Amino acid sequence: MATIKLKFNLTDEDFEAIMDMAGYGISYWARSMEPARRGYTIVDSMKTTLETGERVRIKKTITRASTERAVVQLFTERTLNSYYMSAIDNLVHNHCCADVGSDIADAITQQACFGKVIYG
């Protein structure tokens, strides 16, 4: 089996554009999204049950690097529909985030926060 190495670098400008769009797209599941020192802190509005039984809100800081990893995961795993994948493909192949609207930014943010797209 052949292995392909993918090199993808998300620019600061593209990261900011994606997070700007995410601010609109994640509002149905995120309690808040605030600027942080190196990115944005997102608080999930749904409480997650830990192994101990405790219910907590997930709070995660999303950085440019974690967003970059999320885009690469979505690109390689190809779990999203063709509409989403065309924007991800354009971002990876052409370094262009123009097709990343609030819905696609939402999927990228979920991937960065949770390791997968968990909300519709």
Protein backbone atom coordinates (compact mmCIF):
# COMPACT_ATOMS: atom_id res chain seq x y z
CA MET A 1 0.00 0.00 0.00
CA ALA A 2 1.35 3.40 -0.98
CA THR A 3 1.54 6.22 1.53
CA ILE A 4 1.03 9.81 0.51
CA LYS A 5 2.41 12.59 2.66
CA LEU A 6 0.24 15.70 2.72
CA LYS A 7 1.74 19.06 3.56
CA PHE A 8 -0.86 21.69 4.35
CA ASN A 9 -0.30 25.03 6.02
CA LEU A 10 -3.23 27.18 7.03
CA THR A 11 -2.41 30.87 6.89
CA ASP A 12 -3.29 33.13 9.80
CA GLU A 13 -5.69 34.98 7.50
CA ASP A 14 -7.48 31.77 6.48
CA PHE A 15 -7.65 30.66 10.13
CA GLU A 16 -9.26 33.97 11.10
CA ALA A 17 -11.70 33.75 8.17
CA ILE A 18 -12.71 30.20 9.11
CA MET A 19 -13.18 31.15 12.76
CA ASP A 20 -15.17 34.22 11.74
CA MET A 21 -17.54 31.97 9.76
CA ALA A 22 -17.57 29.43 12.61
CA GLY A 23 -18.93 32.14 14.89
CA TYR A 24 -22.14 31.94 12.86
CA GLY A 25 -22.13 28.19 12.19
CA ILE A 26 -21.56 26.84 15.70
CA SER A 27 -24.20 28.88 17.48
CA TYR A 28 -26.63 25.94 17.63
CA TRP A 29 -24.25 23.85 19.76
CA ALA A 30 -21.69 26.24 21.26
CA ARG A 31 -22.47 28.34 24.31
CA SER A 32 -19.71 30.82 23.48
CA MET A 33 -16.66 31.49 21.33
CA GLU A 34 -14.20 34.03 22.68
CA PRO A 35 -10.78 35.16 21.45
CA ALA A 36 -7.94 33.57 23.41
CA ARG A 37 -4.22 34.21 23.48
CA ARG A 38 -3.48 31.80 20.63
CA GLY A 39 -6.87 31.17 19.09
CA TYR A 40 -10.45 30.95 20.28
CA THR A 41 -12.00 29.30 23.33
CA ILE A 42 -15.23 27.48 22.60
CA VAL A 43 -17.63 26.22 25.26
CA ASP A 44 -20.07 23.47 24.29
CA SER A 45 -23.62 24.26 25.43
CA MET A 46 -24.40 20.55 25.86
CA LYS A 47 -23.19 18.87 29.04
CA THR A 48 -21.03 15.79 28.56
CA THR A 49 -21.14 12.92 31.04
CA LEU A 50 -17.70 11.88 32.23
CA GLU A 51 -16.79 8.32 33.25
CA THR A 52 -17.26 9.43 36.86
CA GLY A 53 -20.86 10.35 36.09
CA GLU A 54 -20.18 14.06 36.45
CA ARG A 55 -21.81 16.24 33.79
CA VAL A 56 -19.60 19.08 32.52
CA ARG A 57 -19.43 21.53 29.65
CA ILE A 58 -16.50 20.94 27.30
CA LYS A 59 -14.25 23.99 26.98
CA LYS A 60 -11.64 23.85 24.25
CA THR A 61 -9.19 26.34 22.79
CA ILE A 62 -8.94 26.09 19.03
CA THR A 63 -5.63 27.22 17.52
CA ARG A 64 -4.44 27.60 13.96
CA ALA A 65 -2.50 24.32 14.34
CA SER A 66 -5.51 22.36 15.65
CA THR A 67 -7.66 23.77 12.85
CA GLU A 68 -4.98 22.77 10.34
CA ARG A 69 -5.00 19.20 11.73
CA ALA A 70 -8.80 19.14 11.58
CA VAL A 71 -8.80 20.16 7.91
CA VAL A 72 -6.25 17.47 7.09
CA GLN A 73 -8.28 14.84 8.96
CA LEU A 74 -11.47 15.81 7.13
CA PHE A 75 -9.57 15.84 3.82
CA THR A 76 -8.03 12.39 4.30
CA GLU A 77 -10.95 10.64 6.01
CA ARG A 78 -13.51 11.96 3.46
CA THR A 79 -16.46 11.41 5.80
CA LEU A 80 -18.42 14.49 4.75
CA ASN A 81 -20.72 14.86 1.75
CA SER A 82 -19.50 16.20 -1.60
CA TYR A 83 -20.67 19.77 -0.89
CA TYR A 84 -18.47 19.95 2.21
CA MET A 85 -15.60 18.07 0.59
CA SER A 86 -15.45 20.40 -2.41
CA ALA A 87 -14.75 23.33 -0.04
CA ILE A 88 -12.23 21.28 1.97
CA ASP A 89 -10.54 20.18 -1.27
CA ASN A 90 -10.35 23.80 -2.47
CA LEU A 91 -8.84 24.83 0.86
CA VAL A 92 -6.20 22.08 0.77
CA HIS A 93 -5.34 22.10 -2.95
CA ASN A 94 -5.65 25.81 -3.69
CA HIS A 95 -5.13 27.34 -0.22
CA CYS A 96 -8.41 29.17 -0.73
CA CYS A 97 -11.02 29.42 2.02
CA ALA A 98 -13.55 31.34 -0.10
CA ASP A 99 -15.87 28.29 -0.24
CA VAL A 100 -15.79 27.79 3.55
CA GLY A 101 -19.11 29.13 4.75
CA SER A 102 -20.57 28.90 8.23
CA ASP A 103 -21.71 25.29 7.79
CA ILE A 104 -18.30 24.05 6.65
CA ALA A 105 -16.51 26.14 9.30
CA ASP A 106 -18.84 24.48 11.82
CA ALA A 107 -17.70 21.01 10.67
CA ILE A 108 -14.02 22.04 10.81
CA THR A 109 -14.52 23.46 14.32
CA GLN A 110 -16.28 20.31 15.53
CA GLN A 111 -13.44 18.20 14.13
CA ALA A 112 -10.92 20.41 15.95
CA CYS A 113 -12.91 20.34 19.22
CA PHE A 114 -14.10 16.75 19.38
CA GLY A 115 -11.98 14.81 16.87
CA LYS A 116 -15.05 14.19 14.72
CA VAL A 117 -18.17 15.94 13.45
CA ILE A 118 -20.73 15.07 16.11
CA TYR A 119 -23.57 17.51 15.41
CA GLY A 120 -25.55 17.31 12.15
